[in-house]
Amino acid sequence: MKVLTFYPTKPEILELIKEKHPEIELIEAEPSQTIDNTPDDITVILAKTLNLKNVTHYPKSLKLIQLASAGFDGIDLDLLKDHHIKLCNAHGVPTVGVAEYVMGAILAKARLLLDSVIDHSWERFDHYQNLDGKKLLIVGAGDIGEAIAKRAEPFGVEIVGVRRSHDLKPHFTKMITLDELADELPTSDYVVNILPSNETSNDLFNKSLFNHFKSSAIFVNVGRGNAVVDNDMIAALDNKQLDYAILDVFHQEPLPEDHPFYHHPNILVTPHIAGSSEGYLTAVWTILLKQIDHLKDNTEFDHVIV
């Protein structure tokens, strides 16, 4: 069985493959290679979302595409269905990374660590913040939202989640629906977006919604870039309707070098790294090797998208 990977294969992963499926013939794709010119005898592909955008042709023998991410926006799912190819994601793998990223970013901003690093000066500020007693609003209270809430709870934070129902989940103080989001924003100190890319999240954080933000609020986006109207967020920052934005996802990735986000004093940009964590690819390969078991046994794959 030939498996094509768009990720470099570390020694520990090669050992894992040898242990679980020594029959695999592993092929590493060149960074510039596209799926359109992939050999027709490939059975399984480990890919990035970007590898699957604007694809018009898939290998004839291809049975499974395993994503190394949870997100799958921008992929032509109908084309995959037409070719009878299963697409699966890495559900659960990014959870710890995203949760720790959010808490790290919030703490760094609250304790002014970013200011100290940027200024390169021995200055003691007079506006440090404590998390104790603050309100954290998590827009998207799924598995990742719950992981963030679990880590925020010991800091004495009031944690409000946004989901489809009011059913309370562990570690949350309160649960609201998206229709109630604007009512909760004026008293929220930290607002974290984790929503996936869909019609519900598209342009959700726009001028109208930013008008409801607390002027001292910190906005963190680790969901998808489509949720934010960029110019409206910049205007909110400039008009003191929002204090700071920490952004890991964007409409266009990589973010162009001349993008205004890079130059705004109240925006921190990171290159879509929130979900990354120690042992990430090993965890993805563990999922993929189990998927190959399913393929050989003709049983249902895990984390199926289509």
Protein backbone atom coordinates (compact mmCIF):
# COMPACT_ATOMS: atom_id res chain seq x y z
CA MET A 1 0.00 0.00 0.00
CA LYS A 2 1.39 3.39 -1.03
CA VAL A 3 0.90 6.29 1.36
CA LEU A 4 1.75 9.83 0.31
CA THR A 5 2.53 12.38 3.02
CA PHE A 6 2.86 16.14 2.67
CA TYR A 7 4.60 16.25 6.05
CA PRO A 8 8.24 15.32 6.78
CA THR A 9 8.55 11.94 8.47
CA LYS A 10 10.56 11.92 11.69
CA PRO A 11 12.39 8.78 12.92
CA GLU A 12 9.84 8.11 15.66
CA ILE A 13 7.06 8.11 13.09
CA LEU A 14 8.99 5.71 10.83
CA GLU A 15 9.34 3.37 13.83
CA LEU A 16 5.60 3.64 14.48
CA ILE A 17 4.82 2.78 10.85
CA LYS A 18 7.26 -0.13 10.91
CA GLU A 19 5.64 -1.48 14.07
CA LYS A 20 2.01 -1.11 12.98
CA HIS A 21 2.09 -1.47 9.19
CA PRO A 22 5.51 -2.51 7.82
CA GLU A 23 3.92 -3.16 4.41
CA ILE A 24 3.39 0.56 3.82
CA GLU A 25 5.45 2.14 1.07
CA LEU A 26 5.83 5.72 2.26
CA ILE A 27 6.29 8.52 -0.24
CA GLU A 28 7.12 12.06 0.88
CA ALA A 29 5.71 14.74 -1.41
CA GLU A 30 7.73 17.77 -2.38
CA PRO A 31 6.42 20.99 -0.80
CA SER A 32 5.50 22.33 -4.26
CA GLN A 33 3.78 19.11 -5.37
CA THR A 34 0.04 19.16 -5.92
CA ILE A 35 -2.44 16.33 -5.63
CA ASP A 36 -3.38 16.86 -9.27
CA ASN A 37 -0.08 15.29 -10.39
CA THR A 38 0.05 12.55 -7.76
CA PRO A 39 0.63 9.00 -9.15
CA ASP A 40 -2.54 6.97 -9.67
CA ASP A 41 -1.39 4.06 -7.46
CA ILE A 42 -1.53 6.06 -4.22
CA THR A 43 -4.08 4.61 -1.77
CA VAL A 44 -3.83 7.00 1.19
CA ILE A 45 -2.77 10.64 1.50
CA LEU A 46 -1.85 12.57 4.63
CA ALA A 47 -2.49 16.18 3.65
CA LYS A 48 -2.84 19.76 4.73
CA THR A 49 -6.04 21.64 3.97
CA LEU A 50 -4.13 23.83 1.52
CA ASN A 51 -3.15 20.71 -0.47
CA LEU A 52 -6.82 20.06 -1.25
CA LYS A 53 -7.89 23.47 -2.49
CA ASN A 54 -8.49 23.91 -6.23
CA VAL A 55 -7.91 20.19 -6.88
CA THR A 56 -9.47 18.91 -10.11
CA HIS A 57 -8.04 15.38 -10.27
CA TYR A 58 -7.44 12.67 -7.66
CA PRO A 59 -5.43 9.44 -8.06
CA LYS A 60 -7.54 6.54 -9.37
CA SER A 61 -6.59 4.23 -6.49
CA LEU A 62 -7.05 6.81 -3.73
CA LYS A 63 -9.39 5.61 -0.97
CA LEU A 64 -8.64 7.93 1.96
CA ILE A 65 -7.38 11.44 2.62
CA GLN A 66 -6.43 12.03 6.24
CA LEU A 67 -6.09 15.65 7.29
CA ALA A 68 -3.60 16.61 9.97
CA SER A 69 -5.99 19.31 11.15
CA ALA A 70 -9.51 19.51 12.52
CA GLY A 71 -10.60 22.16 9.99
CA PHE A 72 -11.58 21.30 6.43
CA ASP A 73 -12.89 24.58 5.01
CA GLY A 74 -12.20 25.39 1.37
CA ILE A 75 -12.21 21.74 0.26
CA ASP A 76 -14.56 20.62 -2.54
CA LEU A 77 -16.43 17.90 -0.65
CA ASP A 78 -18.72 17.13 -3.58
CA LEU A 79 -15.69 16.30 -5.75
CA LEU A 80 -14.47 13.86 -3.12
CA LYS A 81 -17.90 12.24 -3.00
CA ASP A 82 -17.91 11.93 -6.78
CA HIS A 83 -14.57 10.11 -6.63
CA HIS A 84 -15.73 7.92 -3.70
CA ILE A 85 -12.83 9.14 -1.56
CA LYS A 86 -13.21 9.37 2.20
CA LEU A 87 -11.99 12.54 3.92
CA CYS A 88 -11.22 12.39 7.65
CA ASN A 89 -9.87 15.01 10.04
CA ALA A 90 -7.67 14.90 13.13
CA HIS A 91 -10.46 15.62 15.59
CA GLY A 92 -9.15 16.05 19.12
CA VAL A 93 -5.45 16.37 18.27
CA PRO A 94 -5.31 20.21 18.31
CA THR A 95 -7.37 20.53 21.52
CA VAL A 96 -4.58 20.82 24.11
CA GLY A 97 -2.49 23.12 21.91
CA VAL A 98 -5.34 25.55 21.28
CA ALA A 99 -6.38 25.60 24.95
CA GLU A 100 -2.83 26.29 26.14
CA TYR A 101 -2.32 28.92 23.43
CA VAL A 102 -5.44 30.81 24.53
CA MET A 103 -4.52 30.74 28.21
CA GLY A 104 -0.91 31.66 27.45
CA ALA A 105 -1.99 34.60 25.29
CA ILE A 106 -4.47 35.86 27.87
CA LEU A 107 -1.96 35.59 30.71
CA ALA A 108 0.81 37.23 28.67
CA LYS A 109 -1.44 40.18 27.93
CA ALA A 110 -2.85 40.45 31.45
CA ARG A 111 0.63 40.45 33.01
CA LEU A 112 2.01 42.75 30.28
CA LEU A 113 4.72 40.29 29.27
CA LEU A 114 4.31 41.34 25.65
CA ASP A 115 4.80 45.00 26.54
CA SER A 116 8.00 44.24 28.46
CA VAL A 117 9.47 42.23 25.59
CA ILE A 118 8.55 44.76 22.92
CA ASP A 119 9.77 47.81 24.85
CA HIS A 120 13.12 46.29 25.91
CA SER A 121 13.08 48.53 28.95
CA TRP A 122 13.18 48.21 32.74
CA GLU A 123 9.74 49.71 33.16
CA ARG A 124 7.24 48.73 35.81
CA PHE A 125 3.76 49.27 34.50
CA ASP A 126 0.81 50.41 36.59
CA HIS A 127 -1.95 48.60 34.70
CA TYR A 128 -1.32 44.91 35.29
CA GLN A 129 -4.46 42.77 35.35
CA ASN A 130 -5.50 39.75 37.36
CA LEU A 131 -7.66 37.04 35.82
CA ASP A 132 -9.42 36.52 39.12
CA GLY A 133 -12.92 38.00 38.87
CA LYS A 134 -12.76 38.59 35.12
CA LYS A 135 -15.26 37.21 32.60
CA LEU A 136 -14.17 34.92 29.77
CA LEU A 137 -16.62 34.49 26.89
CA ILE A 138 -15.92 31.41 24.75
CA VAL A 139 -17.73 31.52 21.41
CA GLY A 140 -17.88 27.87 20.45
CA ALA A 141 -18.23 25.73 23.56
CA GLY A 142 -17.30 22.38 22.01
CA ASP A 143 -14.41 20.13 23.00
CA ILE A 144 -11.78 22.86 22.58
CA GLY A 145 -13.95 25.41 24.36
CA GLU A 146 -14.36 23.01 27.26
CA ALA A 147 -10.58 22.45 27.38
CA ILE A 148 -10.05 26.21 27.63
CA ALA A 149 -12.70 26.51 30.34
CA LYS A 150 -11.04 23.71 32.33
CA ARG A 151 -7.73 25.59 32.32
CA ALA A 152 -9.32 28.98 33.06
CA GLU A 153 -11.48 27.82 35.97
CA PRO A 154 -8.66 27.64 38.60
CA PHE A 155 -7.86 31.32 37.94
CA GLY A 156 -11.22 32.38 39.39
CA VAL A 157 -12.63 33.42 36.02
CA GLU A 158 -16.35 33.58 35.27
CA ILE A 159 -16.70 31.46 32.14
CA VAL A 160 -19.58 31.90 29.71
CA GLY A 161 -19.95 29.59 26.72
CA VAL A 162 -21.80 30.05 23.45
CA ARG A 163 -23.40 27.02 21.84
CA ARG A 164 -26.67 25.87 20.29
CA SER A 165 -28.39 25.15 23.61
CA HIS A 166 -28.35 26.41 27.20
CA ASP A 167 -27.28 23.01 28.54
CA LEU A 168 -24.42 23.68 30.95
CA LYS A 169 -21.12 21.89 30.32
CA PRO A 170 -18.38 21.22 32.92
CA HIS A 171 -16.22 24.21 33.97
CA PHE A 172 -18.65 26.79 32.56
CA THR A 173 -20.52 29.27 34.74
CA LYS A 174 -23.22 29.93 32.18
CA MET A 175 -24.23 28.90 28.68
CA ILE A 176 -25.90 31.13 26.08
CA THR A 177 -26.88 30.84 22.43
CA LEU A 178 -25.45 32.87 19.56
CA ASP A 179 -28.58 35.07 19.54
CA GLU A 180 -27.64 36.27 23.03
CA LEU A 181 -23.99 37.03 22.22
CA ALA A 182 -24.41 40.81 21.85
CA ASP A 183 -26.05 41.04 25.30
CA GLU A 184 -23.09 39.30 26.98
CA LEU A 185 -20.28 41.27 25.30
CA PRO A 186 -20.49 44.54 27.31
CA THR A 187 -19.43 42.73 30.49
CA SER A 188 -16.89 40.31 28.96
CA ASP A 189 -13.19 40.96 29.56
CA TYR A 190 -11.90 38.25 27.22
CA VAL A 191 -13.70 37.04 24.09
CA VAL A 192 -12.39 33.91 22.38
CA ASN A 193 -13.70 32.73 19.02
CA ILE A 194 -13.33 29.02 18.22
CA LEU A 195 -16.12 28.68 15.66
CA PRO A 196 -15.37 26.73 12.47
CA SER A 197 -15.85 28.28 9.05
CA ASN A 198 -19.50 28.11 8.04
CA GLU A 199 -22.45 30.34 7.20
CA THR A 200 -23.16 30.96 10.88
CA SER A 201 -19.67 32.24 11.64
CA ASN A 202 -19.11 34.17 8.42
CA ASP A 203 -18.53 37.89 9.20
CA LEU A 204 -19.93 37.33 12.70
CA PHE A 205 -17.53 39.79 14.32
CA ASN A 206 -18.49 42.89 12.37
CA LYS A 207 -19.04 46.58 13.12
CA SER A 208 -22.40 45.92 14.74
CA LEU A 209 -21.03 43.31 17.12
CA PHE A 210 -17.84 45.22 17.94
CA ASN A 211 -20.09 48.11 19.05
CA HIS A 212 -21.17 45.88 21.97
CA PHE A 213 -17.65 45.04 23.15
CA LYS A 214 -16.28 46.31 26.43
CA SER A 215 -13.66 48.97 25.61
CA SER A 216 -11.04 47.14 27.70
CA ALA A 217 -11.79 43.72 26.17
CA ILE A 218 -9.21 41.39 24.63
CA PHE A 219 -10.33 39.48 21.52
CA VAL A 220 -8.68 36.16 20.65
CA ASN A 221 -9.42 34.39 17.36
CA VAL A 222 -8.33 30.76 17.07
CA GLY A 223 -11.35 29.66 15.03
CA ARG A 224 -11.26 30.83 11.45
CA GLY A 225 -10.47 34.13 9.76
CA ASN A 226 -13.85 34.26 8.01
CA ALA A 227 -15.51 35.09 11.35
CA VAL A 228 -13.96 38.57 11.46
CA VAL A 229 -14.51 41.58 9.22
CA ASP A 230 -10.91 42.82 9.28
CA ASN A 231 -11.55 46.51 8.65
CA ASP A 232 -14.34 46.59 11.24
CA MET A 233 -12.03 45.11 13.88
CA ILE A 234 -9.27 47.61 13.08
CA ALA A 235 -11.82 50.45 13.32
CA ALA A 236 -13.00 49.12 16.70
CA LEU A 237 -9.42 49.13 17.98
CA ASP A 238 -8.76 52.61 16.63
CA ASN A 239 -12.02 53.92 18.12
CA LYS A 240 -11.25 52.40 21.56
CA GLN A 241 -14.24 50.05 21.34
CA LEU A 242 -11.82 47.16 21.80
CA ASP A 243 -8.46 47.14 23.57
CA TYR A 244 -6.44 44.39 21.91
CA ALA A 245 -6.68 41.49 19.43
CA ILE A 246 -4.68 38.27 19.37
CA LEU A 247 -5.10 36.56 16.01
CA ASP A 248 -3.93 33.12 14.86
CA VAL A 249 -6.25 32.64 11.84
CA PHE A 250 -6.96 34.84 8.85
CA HIS A 251 -8.93 35.20 5.63
CA GLN A 252 -5.75 34.65 3.63
CA GLU A 253 -2.95 32.38 4.84
CA PRO A 254 -0.08 32.97 4.88
CA LEU A 255 -0.95 36.53 5.82
CA PRO A 256 0.58 38.91 3.22
CA GLU A 257 3.65 40.78 4.46
CA ASP A 258 2.02 44.15 3.84
CA HIS A 259 -1.17 43.33 5.77
CA PRO A 260 -2.14 46.10 8.26
CA PHE A 261 -2.45 43.57 11.10
CA TYR A 262 1.35 43.34 11.28
CA HIS A 263 1.73 47.05 11.86
CA HIS A 264 -1.12 47.75 14.27
CA PRO A 265 0.13 48.39 17.83
CA ASN A 266 -2.85 46.63 19.38
CA ILE A 267 -2.78 43.44 17.33
CA LEU A 268 -0.64 40.36 17.93
CA VAL A 269 -0.30 38.05 14.92
CA THR A 270 0.78 34.41 15.14
CA PRO A 271 1.09 32.12 12.05
CA HIS A 272 -1.76 29.65 12.66
CA ILE A 273 0.13 27.77 15.37
CA ALA A 274 -2.46 27.54 18.15
CA GLY A 275 -3.23 23.88 17.53
CA SER A 276 0.40 22.82 17.28
CA SER A 277 1.80 20.90 20.21
CA GLU A 278 4.46 18.44 21.28
CA GLY A 279 3.97 15.10 19.53
CA TYR A 280 1.32 16.49 17.17
CA LEU A 281 2.31 14.56 14.06
CA THR A 282 2.85 11.37 16.04
CA ALA A 283 -0.74 11.68 17.26
CA VAL A 284 -1.94 12.26 13.68
CA TRP A 285 -0.03 9.22 12.42
CA THR A 286 -1.52 7.13 15.23
CA ILE A 287 -4.95 8.08 13.89
CA LEU A 288 -3.90 7.38 10.30
CA LEU A 289 -2.48 3.93 11.06
CA LYS A 290 -5.75 3.04 12.76
CA GLN A 291 -7.57 4.30 9.66
CA ILE A 292 -5.47 1.92 7.58
CA ASP A 293 -6.66 -0.90 9.87
CA HIS A 294 -10.22 0.16 9.05
CA LEU A 295 -9.40 0.24 5.35
CA LYS A 296 -7.97 -3.29 5.41
CA ASP A 297 -10.83 -4.62 7.53
CA ASN A 298 -13.45 -2.77 5.48
CA THR A 299 -14.82 -1.07 8.62
CA GLU A 300 -15.92 2.53 9.18
CA PHE A 301 -13.22 5.20 9.41
CA ASP A 302 -12.92 7.52 12.42
CA HIS A 303 -13.61 11.28 12.22
CA VAL A 304 -15.25 11.09 8.78
CA ILE A 305 -16.10 14.38 7.06
CA VAL A 306 -17.41 12.84 3.80
